[in-house]
Amino acid sequence: MLTRLPRQIMWSVVSRALLLVVATAIGLGVATAAARLLRSVLFGSSATDASTYVIVGVALVLTVLLAALLPAVRAARVDPLAAIRR
């Protein structure tokens, strides 16, 4: 960890966040299938309301990336020797 460049530290954290983006996509697919099964109890929207899925998907992806990127940037700025001394 001490020999990593800031870019490598950020990629390490953000790459894990990208796995969550993939999981979000899978979750949206499962939600679509579940919504079709529960079509009779849905009121005010269709089982495959595209705008809802797009808005929720984008919101989840942005939240995940932001939650991963902020600590990654902070970790990349820390001097490794100063972190060890603490």
C-alpha atoms as a PDB file:
ATOM      1  CA  MET A   1       0.000   0.000   0.000  1.00  0.00           C
ATOM      2  CA  LEU A   2       2.880   2.370   0.682  1.00  0.00           C
ATOM      3  CA  THR A   3       4.142   2.229  -2.886  1.00  0.00           C
ATOM      4  CA  ARG A   4       0.805   2.891  -4.566  1.00  0.00           C
ATOM      5  CA  LEU A   5       0.254   6.047  -6.544  1.00  0.00           C
ATOM      6  CA  PRO A   6      -2.788   8.203  -5.756  1.00  0.00           C
ATOM      7  CA  ARG A   7      -4.346   7.094  -9.046  1.00  0.00           C
ATOM      8  CA  GLN A   8      -3.954   3.440  -8.033  1.00  0.00           C
ATOM      9  CA  ILE A   9      -5.558   4.065  -4.644  1.00  0.00           C
ATOM     10  CA  MET A  10      -8.525   5.789  -6.239  1.00  0.00           C
ATOM     11  CA  TRP A  11      -8.955   2.998  -8.810  1.00  0.00           C
ATOM     12  CA  SER A  12      -8.844   0.383  -6.042  1.00  0.00           C
ATOM     13  CA  VAL A  13     -11.762   2.005  -4.255  1.00  0.00           C
ATOM     14  CA  VAL A  14     -13.765   3.013  -7.325  1.00  0.00           C
ATOM     15  CA  SER A  15     -13.434  -0.431  -8.931  1.00  0.00           C
ATOM     16  CA  ARG A  16     -15.211  -1.927  -5.930  1.00  0.00           C
ATOM     17  CA  ALA A  17     -17.941   0.657  -6.366  1.00  0.00           C
ATOM     18  CA  LEU A  18     -18.354  -0.438  -9.968  1.00  0.00           C
ATOM     19  CA  LEU A  19     -19.263  -3.888  -8.672  1.00  0.00           C
ATOM     20  CA  LEU A  20     -22.112  -2.215  -6.812  1.00  0.00           C
ATOM     21  CA  VAL A  21     -23.207  -0.588 -10.068  1.00  0.00           C
ATOM     22  CA  VAL A  22     -23.409  -4.049 -11.648  1.00  0.00           C
ATOM     23  CA  ALA A  23     -25.366  -5.276  -8.628  1.00  0.00           C
ATOM     24  CA  THR A  24     -27.746  -2.331  -9.078  1.00  0.00           C
ATOM     25  CA  ALA A  25     -28.378  -3.349 -12.673  1.00  0.00           C
ATOM     26  CA  ILE A  26     -29.085  -6.920 -11.602  1.00  0.00           C
ATOM     27  CA  GLY A  27     -31.367  -5.640  -8.844  1.00  0.00           C
ATOM     28  CA  LEU A  28     -33.338  -3.546 -11.300  1.00  0.00           C
ATOM     29  CA  GLY A  29     -33.846  -6.640 -13.447  1.00  0.00           C
ATOM     30  CA  VAL A  30     -35.097  -8.594 -10.459  1.00  0.00           C
ATOM     31  CA  ALA A  31     -37.352  -5.677  -9.494  1.00  0.00           C
ATOM     32  CA  THR A  32     -38.863  -5.674 -12.973  1.00  0.00           C
ATOM     33  CA  ALA A  33     -39.614  -9.371 -12.733  1.00  0.00           C
ATOM     34  CA  ALA A  34     -41.096  -8.962  -9.258  1.00  0.00           C
ATOM     35  CA  ALA A  35     -43.202  -6.002 -10.375  1.00  0.00           C
ATOM     36  CA  ARG A  36     -44.707  -8.087 -13.137  1.00  0.00           C
ATOM     37  CA  LEU A  37     -45.638 -10.741 -10.600  1.00  0.00           C
ATOM     38  CA  LEU A  38     -47.186  -8.099  -8.325  1.00  0.00           C
ATOM     39  CA  ARG A  39     -48.964  -6.220 -11.111  1.00  0.00           C
ATOM     40  CA  SER A  40     -52.354  -6.567  -9.421  1.00  0.00           C
ATOM     41  CA  VAL A  41     -51.302  -4.572  -6.340  1.00  0.00           C
ATOM     42  CA  LEU A  42     -49.610  -1.679  -8.169  1.00  0.00           C
ATOM     43  CA  PHE A  43     -51.602   1.540  -8.127  1.00  0.00           C
ATOM     44  CA  GLY A  44     -50.745   4.594 -10.195  1.00  0.00           C
ATOM     45  CA  SER A  45     -47.920   3.055 -12.217  1.00  0.00           C
ATOM     46  CA  SER A  46     -47.388   0.192 -14.575  1.00  0.00           C
ATOM     47  CA  ALA A  47     -45.222  -2.802 -13.747  1.00  0.00           C
ATOM     48  CA  THR A  48     -42.544  -1.609 -16.134  1.00  0.00           C
ATOM     49  CA  ASP A  49     -42.673   2.165 -15.688  1.00  0.00           C
ATOM     50  CA  ALA A  50     -39.431   3.051 -17.458  1.00  0.00           C
ATOM     51  CA  SER A  51     -39.036   6.512 -15.991  1.00  0.00           C
ATOM     52  CA  THR A  52     -39.185   5.157 -12.436  1.00  0.00           C
ATOM     53  CA  TYR A  53     -36.539   2.533 -13.151  1.00  0.00           C
ATOM     54  CA  VAL A  54     -34.274   5.046 -14.880  1.00  0.00           C
ATOM     55  CA  ILE A  55     -34.547   7.612 -12.091  1.00  0.00           C
ATOM     56  CA  VAL A  56     -33.977   5.051  -9.334  1.00  0.00           C
ATOM     57  CA  GLY A  57     -31.124   3.394 -11.217  1.00  0.00           C
ATOM     58  CA  VAL A  58     -29.330   6.665 -11.918  1.00  0.00           C
ATOM     59  CA  ALA A  59     -29.821   7.824  -8.333  1.00  0.00           C
ATOM     60  CA  LEU A  60     -28.386   4.574  -6.967  1.00  0.00           C
ATOM     61  CA  VAL A  61     -25.397   4.592  -9.307  1.00  0.00           C
ATOM     62  CA  LEU A  62     -24.560   8.232  -8.548  1.00  0.00           C
ATOM     63  CA  THR A  63     -24.887   7.619  -4.822  1.00  0.00           C
ATOM     64  CA  VAL A  64     -22.607   4.583  -4.946  1.00  0.00           C
ATOM     65  CA  LEU A  65     -19.971   6.331  -7.048  1.00  0.00           C
ATOM     66  CA  LEU A  66     -20.027   9.456  -4.903  1.00  0.00           C
ATOM     67  CA  ALA A  67     -19.839   7.407  -1.710  1.00  0.00           C
ATOM     68  CA  ALA A  68     -16.799   5.582  -3.084  1.00  0.00           C
ATOM     69  CA  LEU A  69     -15.076   8.493  -4.777  1.00  0.00           C
ATOM     70  CA  LEU A  70     -14.997  10.876  -1.818  1.00  0.00           C
ATOM     71  CA  PRO A  71     -13.047   8.530   0.499  1.00  0.00           C
ATOM     72  CA  ALA A  72     -10.826   7.475  -2.412  1.00  0.00           C
ATOM     73  CA  VAL A  73      -9.803  11.063  -3.131  1.00  0.00           C
ATOM     74  CA  ARG A  74      -9.180  11.645   0.552  1.00  0.00           C
ATOM     75  CA  ALA A  75      -7.085   8.473   0.860  1.00  0.00           C
ATOM     76  CA  ALA A  76      -5.064   9.396  -2.214  1.00  0.00           C
ATOM     77  CA  ARG A  77      -4.108  12.735  -0.648  1.00  0.00           C
ATOM     78  CA  VAL A  78      -2.788  11.262   2.605  1.00  0.00           C
ATOM     79  CA  ASP A  79       0.962  10.927   2.953  1.00  0.00           C
ATOM     80  CA  PRO A  80       1.594   7.217   3.721  1.00  0.00           C
ATOM     81  CA  LEU A  81       4.269   7.971   6.319  1.00  0.00           C
ATOM     82  CA  ALA A  82       2.026  10.461   8.099  1.00  0.00           C
ATOM     83  CA  ALA A  83      -0.752   7.869   8.196  1.00  0.00           C
ATOM     84  CA  ILE A  84       1.578   5.321   9.774  1.00  0.00           C
ATOM     85  CA  ARG A  85       2.712   7.757  12.447  1.00  0.00           C
ATOM     86  CA  ARG A  86      -0.844   8.353  13.630  1.00  0.00           C
END
